[in-house]
């Protein structure tokens, strides 16, 4: 494909992806090219400024503030949470953001130190792990019973988080054992094939 043909392909691919909402897989099938080629073309379209991605004012301002906080205080990551002036709504927004951060950042073997607060207590009612993390540990960094509502005591926060993880691990183990007994090697083979396909698609950036 010469330069002119590539530029024409880049225009059409970028249009279908950004303006018509086609998936990379659909575009690859339409032009009879690989999905990796489509991904490279889309990256080239942005690099050559054929496509310009603009954020709305509020999200852009928030991202810039997060970057500024990281640079100023040498942080690996900062998360700003939009909320209203209403205290309960602000607390709920913080709890949801904390639960979302745990869901994407926790890895098996991670040790998490916990303080005590109403936000952490509310977070335990929201957090629902989607992965098995049998070696993840929650440690109370503050001991003793608080003078405030006992629901916010650190022990009542950590045991809830541990219970969620333990329940997920137990359910996953029971389900896997039951499938193995019923289906034998055949069902295990299918599960492995599906798991490998999902991981491959994830590595390719499909989702």
N, C-alpha and C. Protein backbone atom coordinates (compact mmCIF):
# COMPACT_ATOMS: atom_id res chain seq x y z
N UNK A 1 0.85 -1.20 0.00
CA UNK A 1 0.00 0.00 0.00
C UNK A 1 0.88 1.24 0.00
N UNK A 2 0.69 2.14 -0.99
CA UNK A 2 1.52 3.35 -1.04
C UNK A 2 0.97 4.40 -0.07
N UNK A 3 1.67 5.53 0.02
CA UNK A 3 1.33 6.57 0.99
C UNK A 3 -0.08 7.12 0.77
N UNK A 4 -0.45 7.28 -0.50
CA UNK A 4 -1.77 7.83 -0.80
C UNK A 4 -2.87 6.86 -0.37
N UNK A 5 -2.67 5.59 -0.64
CA UNK A 5 -3.66 4.59 -0.25
C UNK A 5 -3.77 4.49 1.28
N UNK A 6 -2.62 4.60 1.96
CA UNK A 6 -2.63 4.54 3.41
C UNK A 6 -3.37 5.74 4.00
N UNK A 7 -3.13 6.94 3.45
CA UNK A 7 -3.83 8.13 3.94
C UNK A 7 -5.33 8.00 3.75
N UNK A 8 -5.75 7.44 2.62
CA UNK A 8 -7.17 7.25 2.35
C UNK A 8 -7.76 6.26 3.35
N UNK A 9 -7.02 5.18 3.60
CA UNK A 9 -7.48 4.19 4.59
C UNK A 9 -7.58 4.82 5.96
N UNK A 10 -6.60 5.64 6.32
CA UNK A 10 -6.59 6.27 7.63
C UNK A 10 -7.81 7.17 7.81
N UNK A 11 -8.16 7.92 6.80
CA UNK A 11 -9.34 8.80 6.87
C UNK A 11 -10.61 7.99 7.08
N UNK A 12 -10.75 6.92 6.32
CA UNK A 12 -11.97 6.12 6.40
C UNK A 12 -12.07 5.36 7.73
N UNK A 13 -10.94 4.82 8.17
CA UNK A 13 -10.93 4.10 9.45
C UNK A 13 -11.25 5.05 10.59
N UNK A 14 -10.62 6.22 10.61
CA UNK A 14 -10.85 7.19 11.68
C UNK A 14 -12.31 7.67 11.68
N UNK A 15 -12.86 7.86 10.49
CA UNK A 15 -14.26 8.31 10.40
C UNK A 15 -15.22 7.26 10.96
N UNK A 16 -15.03 6.03 10.56
CA UNK A 16 -15.92 4.97 11.02
C UNK A 16 -15.80 4.74 12.52
N UNK A 17 -14.58 4.85 13.03
CA UNK A 17 -14.36 4.58 14.46
C UNK A 17 -14.85 5.72 15.34
N UNK A 18 -14.49 6.94 14.98
CA UNK A 18 -14.80 8.08 15.85
C UNK A 18 -16.17 8.69 15.58
N UNK A 19 -16.62 8.66 14.34
CA UNK A 19 -17.88 9.32 14.00
C UNK A 19 -19.07 8.35 13.89
N UNK A 20 -18.80 7.13 13.52
CA UNK A 20 -19.90 6.17 13.33
C UNK A 20 -19.96 5.10 14.41
N UNK A 21 -18.97 5.09 15.29
CA UNK A 21 -19.02 4.17 16.43
C UNK A 21 -18.74 2.71 16.10
N UNK A 22 -18.09 2.47 14.97
CA UNK A 22 -17.74 1.08 14.64
C UNK A 22 -16.64 0.59 15.58
N UNK A 23 -16.63 -0.71 15.86
CA UNK A 23 -15.56 -1.29 16.65
C UNK A 23 -14.36 -1.55 15.74
N UNK A 24 -13.21 -1.74 16.35
CA UNK A 24 -12.01 -2.05 15.57
C UNK A 24 -12.17 -3.37 14.82
N UNK A 25 -12.87 -4.31 15.44
CA UNK A 25 -13.10 -5.60 14.80
C UNK A 25 -13.96 -5.45 13.55
N UNK A 26 -15.01 -4.62 13.64
CA UNK A 26 -15.87 -4.38 12.49
C UNK A 26 -15.11 -3.71 11.35
N UNK A 27 -14.27 -2.74 11.71
CA UNK A 27 -13.49 -2.03 10.69
C UNK A 27 -12.50 -2.97 10.01
N UNK A 28 -11.85 -3.81 10.81
CA UNK A 28 -10.88 -4.76 10.26
C UNK A 28 -11.56 -5.71 9.27
N UNK A 29 -12.75 -6.17 9.62
CA UNK A 29 -13.49 -7.07 8.73
C UNK A 29 -13.92 -6.34 7.46
N UNK A 30 -14.34 -5.08 7.61
CA UNK A 30 -14.83 -4.31 6.47
C UNK A 30 -13.71 -4.06 5.45
N UNK A 31 -12.52 -3.73 5.92
CA UNK A 31 -11.41 -3.41 5.01
C UNK A 31 -10.49 -4.61 4.76
N UNK A 32 -10.84 -5.75 5.35
CA UNK A 32 -10.06 -6.98 5.20
C UNK A 32 -8.59 -6.78 5.61
N UNK A 33 -8.43 -6.19 6.78
CA UNK A 33 -7.10 -6.03 7.36
C UNK A 33 -7.14 -6.58 8.78
N UNK A 34 -6.00 -6.70 9.42
CA UNK A 34 -5.97 -7.21 10.79
C UNK A 34 -6.41 -6.12 11.77
N UNK A 35 -6.82 -6.57 12.95
CA UNK A 35 -7.22 -5.61 13.98
C UNK A 35 -6.03 -4.79 14.45
N UNK A 36 -4.84 -5.41 14.45
CA UNK A 36 -3.62 -4.69 14.82
C UNK A 36 -3.36 -3.55 13.84
N UNK A 37 -3.65 -3.77 12.56
CA UNK A 37 -3.47 -2.71 11.56
C UNK A 37 -4.41 -1.55 11.83
N UNK A 38 -5.65 -1.87 12.18
CA UNK A 38 -6.62 -0.82 12.50
C UNK A 38 -6.15 0.00 13.69
N UNK A 39 -5.64 -0.68 14.71
CA UNK A 39 -5.15 0.03 15.89
C UNK A 39 -4.00 0.97 15.54
N UNK A 40 -3.08 0.50 14.70
CA UNK A 40 -1.95 1.35 14.28
C UNK A 40 -2.42 2.54 13.46
N UNK A 41 -3.40 2.32 12.59
CA UNK A 41 -3.93 3.41 11.76
C UNK A 41 -4.59 4.47 12.64
N UNK A 42 -5.33 4.04 13.64
CA UNK A 42 -5.99 5.00 14.53
C UNK A 42 -4.97 5.80 15.34
N UNK A 43 -3.91 5.15 15.78
CA UNK A 43 -2.85 5.86 16.49
C UNK A 43 -2.16 6.87 15.57
N UNK A 44 -1.95 6.46 14.33
CA UNK A 44 -1.31 7.36 13.35
C UNK A 44 -2.21 8.56 13.07
N UNK A 45 -3.53 8.34 13.02
CA UNK A 45 -4.46 9.43 12.75
C UNK A 45 -4.38 10.50 13.83
N UNK A 46 -4.19 10.08 15.07
CA UNK A 46 -4.06 11.03 16.17
C UNK A 46 -2.70 11.72 16.11
N UNK A 47 -1.65 10.95 15.85
CA UNK A 47 -0.30 11.52 15.78
C UNK A 47 -0.19 12.54 14.65
N UNK A 48 -0.84 12.27 13.51
CA UNK A 48 -0.79 13.19 12.37
C UNK A 48 -1.83 14.30 12.46
N UNK A 49 -2.57 14.32 13.59
CA UNK A 49 -3.58 15.35 13.86
C UNK A 49 -4.73 15.31 12.87
N UNK A 50 -4.95 14.16 12.26
CA UNK A 50 -6.17 13.99 11.47
C UNK A 50 -7.36 13.96 12.42
N UNK A 51 -7.13 13.37 13.57
CA UNK A 51 -8.14 13.31 14.63
C UNK A 51 -7.59 14.05 15.84
N UNK A 52 -8.38 14.93 16.41
CA UNK A 52 -7.99 15.65 17.62
C UNK A 52 -9.01 15.33 18.71
N UNK A 53 -8.50 14.84 19.83
CA UNK A 53 -9.37 14.47 20.95
C UNK A 53 -9.40 15.63 21.93
N UNK A 54 -10.59 16.12 22.22
CA UNK A 54 -10.76 17.25 23.14
C UNK A 54 -11.62 16.82 24.33
N UNK A 55 -11.22 17.22 25.52
CA UNK A 55 -12.01 16.98 26.71
C UNK A 55 -12.92 18.17 26.96
N UNK A 56 -14.07 17.89 27.57
CA UNK A 56 -14.92 18.98 28.03
C UNK A 56 -14.17 19.72 29.13
N UNK A 57 -14.57 20.95 29.40
CA UNK A 57 -13.82 21.82 30.31
C UNK A 57 -13.66 21.22 31.70
N UNK A 58 -14.73 20.68 32.25
CA UNK A 58 -14.66 20.18 33.64
C UNK A 58 -13.75 18.96 33.78
N UNK A 59 -13.90 17.92 32.94
CA UNK A 59 -12.98 16.77 33.06
C UNK A 59 -11.52 17.16 32.81
N UNK A 60 -11.29 18.04 31.84
CA UNK A 60 -9.91 18.46 31.56
C UNK A 60 -9.32 19.17 32.77
N UNK A 61 -10.10 20.04 33.39
CA UNK A 61 -9.62 20.77 34.56
C UNK A 61 -9.29 19.80 35.69
N UNK A 62 -10.14 18.79 35.88
CA UNK A 62 -9.91 17.80 36.94
C UNK A 62 -8.65 16.99 36.68
N UNK A 63 -8.44 16.56 35.43
CA UNK A 63 -7.24 15.79 35.10
C UNK A 63 -5.97 16.62 35.32
N UNK A 64 -6.03 17.90 34.95
CA UNK A 64 -4.87 18.77 35.13
C UNK A 64 -4.57 18.98 36.62
N UNK A 65 -5.63 19.10 37.43
CA UNK A 65 -5.43 19.24 38.87
C UNK A 65 -4.81 17.98 39.46
N UNK A 66 -5.27 16.81 39.02
CA UNK A 66 -4.70 15.56 39.51
C UNK A 66 -3.22 15.46 39.16
N UNK A 67 -2.87 15.82 37.92
CA UNK A 67 -1.47 15.80 37.51
C UNK A 67 -0.65 16.79 38.34
N UNK A 68 -1.23 17.96 38.60
CA UNK A 68 -0.53 18.96 39.41
C UNK A 68 -0.27 18.48 40.83
N UNK A 69 -1.25 17.81 41.42
CA UNK A 69 -1.07 17.26 42.77
C UNK A 69 0.04 16.22 42.81
N UNK A 70 0.06 15.36 41.78
CA UNK A 70 1.10 14.32 41.72
C UNK A 70 2.49 14.93 41.61
N UNK A 71 2.62 15.96 40.79
CA UNK A 71 3.92 16.60 40.62
C UNK A 71 4.33 17.37 41.87
N UNK A 72 3.37 18.05 42.49
CA UNK A 72 3.69 18.89 43.66
C UNK A 72 4.09 18.07 44.87
N UNK A 73 3.39 16.95 45.09
CA UNK A 73 3.63 16.16 46.30
C UNK A 73 4.26 14.80 46.02
N UNK A 74 4.79 14.60 44.82
CA UNK A 74 5.47 13.35 44.44
C UNK A 74 4.57 12.13 44.66
N UNK A 75 3.35 12.21 44.19
CA UNK A 75 2.39 11.12 44.34
C UNK A 75 2.39 10.25 43.08
N UNK A 76 2.14 8.97 43.27
CA UNK A 76 1.98 8.10 42.11
C UNK A 76 0.65 8.34 41.42
N UNK A 77 -0.38 8.64 42.20
CA UNK A 77 -1.71 8.87 41.63
C UNK A 77 -2.53 9.74 42.57
N UNK A 78 -3.32 10.62 42.00
CA UNK A 78 -4.26 11.45 42.77
C UNK A 78 -5.62 11.34 42.10
N UNK A 79 -6.66 11.25 42.91
CA UNK A 79 -8.01 11.11 42.38
C UNK A 79 -8.89 12.20 42.97
N UNK A 80 -9.39 13.08 42.11
CA UNK A 80 -10.33 14.11 42.55
C UNK A 80 -11.74 13.62 42.27
N UNK A 81 -12.62 13.79 43.23
CA UNK A 81 -13.98 13.27 43.12
C UNK A 81 -14.96 14.43 43.06
N UNK A 82 -15.64 14.62 41.91
CA UNK A 82 -16.66 15.67 41.83
C UNK A 82 -17.81 15.36 42.78
N UNK A 83 -18.30 16.36 43.47
CA UNK A 83 -19.42 16.14 44.39
C UNK A 83 -20.13 17.47 44.64
N UNK A 84 -21.23 17.39 45.33
CA UNK A 84 -22.00 18.58 45.68
C UNK A 84 -21.55 19.07 47.05
N UNK A 85 -22.11 20.20 47.48
CA UNK A 85 -21.77 20.73 48.81
C UNK A 85 -22.47 19.94 49.91
N UNK A 86 -23.42 19.09 49.52
CA UNK A 86 -24.15 18.29 50.51
C UNK A 86 -23.21 17.25 51.10
N UNK A 87 -23.08 17.24 52.44
CA UNK A 87 -22.12 16.36 53.10
C UNK A 87 -22.38 14.88 52.86
N UNK A 88 -23.61 14.36 53.02
CA UNK A 88 -23.84 12.93 52.76
C UNK A 88 -23.54 12.53 51.33
N UNK A 89 -23.90 13.39 50.37
CA UNK A 89 -23.63 13.09 48.96
C UNK A 89 -22.14 13.08 48.70
N UNK A 90 -21.41 14.00 49.33
CA UNK A 90 -19.96 14.05 49.15
C UNK A 90 -19.31 12.80 49.73
N UNK A 91 -19.78 12.37 50.88
CA UNK A 91 -19.25 11.15 51.50
C UNK A 91 -19.51 9.93 50.63
N UNK A 92 -20.71 9.84 50.06
CA UNK A 92 -21.04 8.71 49.18
C UNK A 92 -20.18 8.72 47.93
N UNK A 93 -19.93 9.90 47.36
CA UNK A 93 -19.08 10.00 46.17
C UNK A 93 -17.66 9.54 46.47
N UNK A 94 -17.13 9.94 47.64
CA UNK A 94 -15.80 9.50 48.04
C UNK A 94 -15.75 7.99 48.26
N UNK A 95 -16.80 7.45 48.87
CA UNK A 95 -16.85 6.00 49.12
C UNK A 95 -16.87 5.22 47.81
N UNK A 96 -17.65 5.69 46.84
CA UNK A 96 -17.71 5.01 45.54
C UNK A 96 -16.36 5.08 44.82
N UNK A 97 -15.70 6.22 44.89
CA UNK A 97 -14.40 6.36 44.24
C UNK A 97 -13.36 5.46 44.90
N UNK A 98 -13.43 5.34 46.23
CA UNK A 98 -12.50 4.46 46.94
C UNK A 98 -12.73 3.01 46.57
N UNK A 99 -14.00 2.60 46.49
CA UNK A 99 -14.32 1.22 46.10
C UNK A 99 -13.84 0.93 44.68
N UNK A 100 -14.02 1.88 43.77
CA UNK A 100 -13.58 1.69 42.39
C UNK A 100 -12.05 1.59 42.32
N UNK A 101 -11.36 2.40 43.14
CA UNK A 101 -9.90 2.36 43.16
C UNK A 101 -9.41 1.00 43.66
N UNK A 102 -10.02 0.50 44.73
CA UNK A 102 -9.64 -0.81 45.25
C UNK A 102 -9.86 -1.90 44.20
N UNK A 103 -10.98 -1.83 43.51
CA UNK A 103 -11.32 -2.87 42.53
C UNK A 103 -10.27 -2.95 41.43
N UNK A 104 -9.76 -1.83 40.97
CA UNK A 104 -8.81 -1.86 39.85
C UNK A 104 -7.36 -1.96 40.29
N UNK A 105 -7.05 -1.67 41.55
CA UNK A 105 -5.65 -1.63 41.96
C UNK A 105 -5.21 -2.79 42.84
N UNK A 106 -6.15 -3.45 43.53
CA UNK A 106 -5.77 -4.55 44.40
C UNK A 106 -5.20 -5.72 43.61
N UNK A 107 -4.11 -6.27 44.08
CA UNK A 107 -3.51 -7.46 43.50
C UNK A 107 -3.34 -8.50 44.60
N UNK A 108 -3.29 -9.76 44.20
CA UNK A 108 -3.12 -10.81 45.19
C UNK A 108 -1.79 -10.62 45.91
N UNK A 109 -1.83 -10.64 47.24
CA UNK A 109 -0.63 -10.42 48.03
C UNK A 109 -0.48 -9.01 48.54
N UNK A 110 -1.37 -8.12 48.12
CA UNK A 110 -1.32 -6.73 48.58
C UNK A 110 -1.71 -6.64 50.05
N UNK A 111 -1.00 -5.81 50.80
CA UNK A 111 -1.34 -5.53 52.20
C UNK A 111 -1.87 -4.10 52.25
N UNK A 112 -3.10 -3.93 52.74
CA UNK A 112 -3.76 -2.63 52.78
C UNK A 112 -3.89 -2.17 54.22
N UNK A 113 -3.34 -1.00 54.52
CA UNK A 113 -3.48 -0.42 55.85
C UNK A 113 -4.73 0.44 55.92
N UNK A 114 -5.54 0.25 56.96
CA UNK A 114 -6.82 0.95 57.09
C UNK A 114 -6.81 1.91 58.27
N UNK A 115 -7.37 3.09 58.05
CA UNK A 115 -7.63 4.02 59.14
C UNK A 115 -9.08 3.89 59.56
N UNK A 116 -9.65 4.96 60.08
CA UNK A 116 -11.05 4.90 60.48
C UNK A 116 -11.76 6.17 60.03
N UNK A 117 -12.93 6.01 59.43
CA UNK A 117 -13.72 7.16 58.98
C UNK A 117 -15.09 6.69 58.53
N UNK A 118 -16.01 7.62 58.45
CA UNK A 118 -17.34 7.30 57.94
C UNK A 118 -17.28 6.89 56.46
N UNK A 119 -16.35 7.50 55.72
CA UNK A 119 -16.21 7.17 54.30
C UNK A 119 -15.78 5.73 54.12
N UNK A 120 -14.81 5.27 54.91
CA UNK A 120 -14.37 3.87 54.82
C UNK A 120 -15.50 2.92 55.18
N UNK A 121 -16.27 3.29 56.20
CA UNK A 121 -17.39 2.43 56.59
C UNK A 121 -18.40 2.31 55.45
N UNK A 122 -18.72 3.43 54.81
CA UNK A 122 -19.68 3.39 53.71
C UNK A 122 -19.10 2.66 52.50
N UNK A 123 -17.78 2.76 52.33
CA UNK A 123 -17.13 2.07 51.22
C UNK A 123 -17.30 0.55 51.31
N UNK A 124 -17.28 0.02 52.54
CA UNK A 124 -17.41 -1.43 52.69
C UNK A 124 -18.79 -1.93 52.25
N UNK A 125 -19.78 -1.06 52.27
CA UNK A 125 -21.12 -1.45 51.80
C UNK A 125 -21.22 -1.39 50.28
N UNK A 126 -20.26 -0.72 49.63
CA UNK A 126 -20.29 -0.56 48.18
C UNK A 126 -19.34 -1.52 47.49
N UNK A 127 -18.19 -1.74 48.10
CA UNK A 127 -17.13 -2.54 47.47
C UNK A 127 -17.57 -3.99 47.26
N UNK A 128 -17.43 -4.47 46.06
CA UNK A 128 -17.78 -5.85 45.71
C UNK A 128 -16.73 -6.39 44.75
N UNK A 129 -15.69 -7.07 45.25
CA UNK A 129 -14.59 -7.52 44.39
C UNK A 129 -15.04 -8.51 43.34
N UNK A 130 -14.51 -8.38 42.14
CA UNK A 130 -14.86 -9.26 41.03
C UNK A 130 -13.79 -10.31 40.77
N UNK A 131 -12.69 -10.28 41.57
CA UNK A 131 -11.60 -11.23 41.37
C UNK A 131 -11.29 -11.95 42.67
N UNK A 132 -10.70 -13.14 42.55
CA UNK A 132 -10.26 -13.89 43.72
C UNK A 132 -8.90 -13.37 44.15
N UNK A 133 -8.79 -12.96 45.43
CA UNK A 133 -7.54 -12.44 45.98
C UNK A 133 -7.28 -13.11 47.32
N UNK A 134 -6.93 -14.39 47.30
CA UNK A 134 -6.82 -15.15 48.55
C UNK A 134 -5.73 -14.67 49.49
N UNK A 135 -4.72 -13.96 48.97
CA UNK A 135 -3.59 -13.54 49.81
C UNK A 135 -3.59 -12.04 50.07
N UNK A 136 -4.70 -11.38 49.79
CA UNK A 136 -4.82 -9.95 50.08
C UNK A 136 -5.15 -9.77 51.55
N UNK A 137 -4.45 -8.86 52.23
CA UNK A 137 -4.60 -8.70 53.68
C UNK A 137 -4.96 -7.25 54.00
N UNK A 138 -5.95 -7.08 54.90
CA UNK A 138 -6.32 -5.76 55.41
C UNK A 138 -5.85 -5.66 56.85
N UNK A 139 -5.09 -4.60 57.15
CA UNK A 139 -4.50 -4.44 58.47
C UNK A 139 -5.00 -3.14 59.10
N UNK A 140 -5.44 -3.22 60.37
CA UNK A 140 -5.88 -2.02 61.08
C UNK A 140 -4.66 -1.23 61.54
N UNK A 141 -4.58 0.03 61.13
CA UNK A 141 -3.46 0.87 61.51
C UNK A 141 -3.73 1.63 62.80
N UNK A 142 -4.98 1.66 63.23
CA UNK A 142 -5.37 2.33 64.47
C UNK A 142 -6.09 1.32 65.34
N UNK A 143 -5.68 1.19 66.58
CA UNK A 143 -6.31 0.23 67.48
C UNK A 143 -7.35 0.87 68.36
N UNK A 144 -8.12 0.03 69.05
CA UNK A 144 -9.07 0.53 70.03
C UNK A 144 -10.41 0.89 69.44
N UNK A 145 -11.35 1.12 70.30
CA UNK A 145 -12.71 1.49 69.93
C UNK A 145 -12.81 3.01 69.87
N UNK A 146 -13.46 3.52 68.86
CA UNK A 146 -13.60 4.96 68.72
C UNK A 146 -14.65 5.49 69.68
N UNK A 147 -14.57 6.79 69.94
CA UNK A 147 -15.55 7.42 70.81
C UNK A 147 -16.84 7.72 70.07
N UNK A 148 -16.81 7.60 68.74
CA UNK A 148 -17.98 7.92 67.96
C UNK A 148 -18.81 6.67 67.73
N UNK A 149 -19.66 6.72 66.72
CA UNK A 149 -20.50 5.58 66.37
C UNK A 149 -19.63 4.34 66.18
N UNK A 150 -19.90 3.22 66.89
CA UNK A 150 -19.07 2.02 66.76
C UNK A 150 -19.05 1.44 65.36
N UNK A 151 -19.99 1.80 64.52
CA UNK A 151 -19.97 1.31 63.14
C UNK A 151 -18.72 1.77 62.41
N UNK A 152 -18.14 2.90 62.84
CA UNK A 152 -16.99 3.46 62.14
C UNK A 152 -15.67 2.96 62.73
N UNK A 153 -15.74 2.08 63.73
CA UNK A 153 -14.52 1.53 64.28
C UNK A 153 -13.77 0.76 63.21
N UNK A 154 -12.42 0.82 63.27
CA UNK A 154 -11.60 0.22 62.24
C UNK A 154 -11.82 -1.29 62.11
N UNK A 155 -12.11 -1.96 63.22
CA UNK A 155 -12.33 -3.41 63.15
C UNK A 155 -13.59 -3.73 62.37
N UNK A 156 -14.59 -2.89 62.48
CA UNK A 156 -15.83 -3.12 61.74
C UNK A 156 -15.67 -2.84 60.25
N UNK A 157 -14.64 -2.08 59.91
CA UNK A 157 -14.34 -1.84 58.49
C UNK A 157 -13.55 -3.00 57.91
N UNK A 158 -12.48 -3.43 58.61
CA UNK A 158 -11.58 -4.44 58.05
C UNK A 158 -12.24 -5.81 57.96
N UNK A 159 -13.07 -6.17 58.94
CA UNK A 159 -13.65 -7.51 58.86
C UNK A 159 -14.66 -7.60 57.73
N UNK A 160 -15.32 -6.48 57.41
CA UNK A 160 -16.25 -6.50 56.27
C UNK A 160 -15.51 -6.71 54.96
N UNK A 161 -14.39 -5.98 54.78
CA UNK A 161 -13.61 -6.14 53.56
C UNK A 161 -13.06 -7.56 53.44
N UNK A 162 -12.56 -8.09 54.56
CA UNK A 162 -12.06 -9.46 54.55
C UNK A 162 -13.15 -10.46 54.25
N UNK A 163 -14.34 -10.20 54.77
CA UNK A 163 -15.47 -11.12 54.54
C UNK A 163 -15.85 -11.14 53.07
N UNK A 164 -15.85 -9.97 52.41
CA UNK A 164 -16.19 -9.92 50.99
C UNK A 164 -15.20 -10.75 50.17
N UNK A 165 -13.90 -10.58 50.46
CA UNK A 165 -12.88 -11.32 49.72
C UNK A 165 -12.97 -12.82 49.99
N UNK A 166 -13.19 -13.18 51.27
CA UNK A 166 -13.29 -14.59 51.62
C UNK A 166 -14.50 -15.24 50.94
N UNK A 167 -15.62 -14.51 50.92
CA UNK A 167 -16.83 -15.06 50.29
C UNK A 167 -16.60 -15.28 48.79
N UNK A 168 -15.93 -14.32 48.14
CA UNK A 168 -15.65 -14.47 46.72
C UNK A 168 -14.73 -15.65 46.44
N UNK A 169 -13.69 -15.82 47.28
CA UNK A 169 -12.78 -16.95 47.10
C UNK A 169 -13.47 -18.28 47.33
N UNK A 170 -14.32 -18.35 48.39
CA UNK A 170 -15.02 -19.59 48.70
C UNK A 170 -16.00 -19.96 47.59
N UNK A 171 -16.74 -18.96 47.09
CA UNK A 171 -17.70 -19.22 46.03
C UNK A 171 -17.00 -19.68 44.75
N UNK A 172 -15.88 -19.03 44.41
CA UNK A 172 -15.14 -19.43 43.22
C UNK A 172 -14.58 -20.84 43.35
N UNK A 173 -14.05 -21.18 44.54
CA UNK A 173 -13.52 -22.52 44.74
C UNK A 173 -14.60 -23.58 44.69
N UNK A 174 -15.75 -23.29 45.31
CA UNK A 174 -16.86 -24.27 45.30
C UNK A 174 -17.38 -24.50 43.89
N UNK A 175 -17.51 -23.40 43.14
CA UNK A 175 -18.04 -23.52 41.77
C UNK A 175 -17.08 -24.30 40.88
N UNK A 176 -15.76 -23.99 41.02
CA UNK A 176 -14.77 -24.68 40.21
C UNK A 176 -14.71 -26.17 40.54
N UNK A 177 -14.76 -26.50 41.83
CA UNK A 177 -14.73 -27.91 42.23
C UNK A 177 -15.96 -28.66 41.72
N UNK A 178 -17.10 -28.02 41.81
CA UNK A 178 -18.34 -28.65 41.35
C UNK A 178 -18.30 -28.92 39.85
N UNK A 179 -17.79 -27.95 39.08
CA UNK A 179 -17.67 -28.15 37.65
C UNK A 179 -16.69 -29.28 37.31
N UNK A 180 -15.58 -29.32 38.06
CA UNK A 180 -14.57 -30.34 37.80
C UNK A 180 -15.13 -31.74 38.04
N UNK A 181 -15.89 -31.89 39.13
CA UNK A 181 -16.45 -33.21 39.47
C UNK A 181 -17.48 -33.63 38.43
N UNK A 182 -18.30 -32.70 38.02
CA UNK A 182 -19.37 -33.03 37.08
C UNK A 182 -18.86 -33.24 35.65
N UNK A 183 -17.97 -32.35 35.21
CA UNK A 183 -17.56 -32.40 33.82
C UNK A 183 -16.22 -33.06 33.56
N UNK A 184 -15.41 -33.23 34.61
CA UNK A 184 -14.11 -33.86 34.43
C UNK A 184 -13.18 -33.00 33.59
N UNK A 185 -12.28 -33.68 32.89
CA UNK A 185 -11.27 -32.99 32.11
C UNK A 185 -11.87 -32.13 30.99
N UNK A 186 -12.98 -32.58 30.44
CA UNK A 186 -13.59 -31.87 29.32
C UNK A 186 -14.00 -30.46 29.70
N UNK A 187 -14.68 -30.33 30.84
CA UNK A 187 -15.14 -29.00 31.26
C UNK A 187 -13.96 -28.11 31.63
N UNK A 188 -12.90 -28.73 32.24
CA UNK A 188 -11.72 -27.95 32.60
C UNK A 188 -11.05 -27.40 31.34
N UNK A 189 -11.00 -28.23 30.28
CA UNK A 189 -10.40 -27.81 29.02
C UNK A 189 -11.15 -26.61 28.45
N UNK A 190 -12.50 -26.69 28.47
CA UNK A 190 -13.30 -25.59 27.93
C UNK A 190 -13.09 -24.30 28.74
N UNK A 191 -13.04 -24.44 30.07
CA UNK A 191 -12.85 -23.26 30.93
C UNK A 191 -11.50 -22.62 30.64
N UNK A 192 -10.46 -23.44 30.47
CA UNK A 192 -9.14 -22.90 30.17
C UNK A 192 -9.12 -22.20 28.82
N UNK A 193 -9.80 -22.79 27.84
CA UNK A 193 -9.85 -22.17 26.51
C UNK A 193 -10.53 -20.81 26.57
N UNK A 194 -11.66 -20.74 27.29
CA UNK A 194 -12.38 -19.47 27.43
C UNK A 194 -11.53 -18.44 28.15
N UNK A 195 -10.84 -18.88 29.23
CA UNK A 195 -9.99 -17.96 30.00
C UNK A 195 -8.85 -17.42 29.14
N UNK A 196 -8.25 -18.30 28.33
CA UNK A 196 -7.15 -17.87 27.45
C UNK A 196 -7.65 -16.89 26.39
N UNK A 197 -8.84 -17.16 25.84
CA UNK A 197 -9.41 -16.26 24.84
C UNK A 197 -9.69 -14.88 25.43
N UNK A 198 -10.27 -14.88 26.63
CA UNK A 198 -10.59 -13.60 27.28
C UNK A 198 -9.31 -12.82 27.56
N UNK A 199 -8.27 -13.50 28.08
CA UNK A 199 -7.02 -12.83 28.36
C UNK A 199 -6.37 -12.30 27.08
N UNK A 200 -6.46 -13.08 26.01
CA UNK A 200 -5.89 -12.63 24.74
C UNK A 200 -6.59 -11.39 24.22
N UNK A 201 -7.93 -11.40 24.30
CA UNK A 201 -8.69 -10.23 23.85
C UNK A 201 -8.37 -9.00 24.69
N UNK A 202 -8.18 -9.22 26.00
CA UNK A 202 -7.85 -8.10 26.88
C UNK A 202 -6.48 -7.54 26.54
N UNK A 203 -5.51 -8.43 26.27
CA UNK A 203 -4.17 -7.97 25.90
C UNK A 203 -4.17 -7.22 24.56
N UNK A 204 -5.09 -7.60 23.68
CA UNK A 204 -5.20 -6.93 22.38
C UNK A 204 -5.98 -5.62 22.47
N UNK A 205 -6.54 -5.35 23.65
CA UNK A 205 -7.25 -4.09 23.84
C UNK A 205 -8.69 -4.09 23.38
N UNK A 206 -9.29 -5.29 23.22
CA UNK A 206 -10.68 -5.34 22.80
C UNK A 206 -11.59 -4.79 23.89
N UNK A 207 -11.26 -5.03 25.14
CA UNK A 207 -12.01 -4.48 26.27
C UNK A 207 -11.09 -4.26 27.44
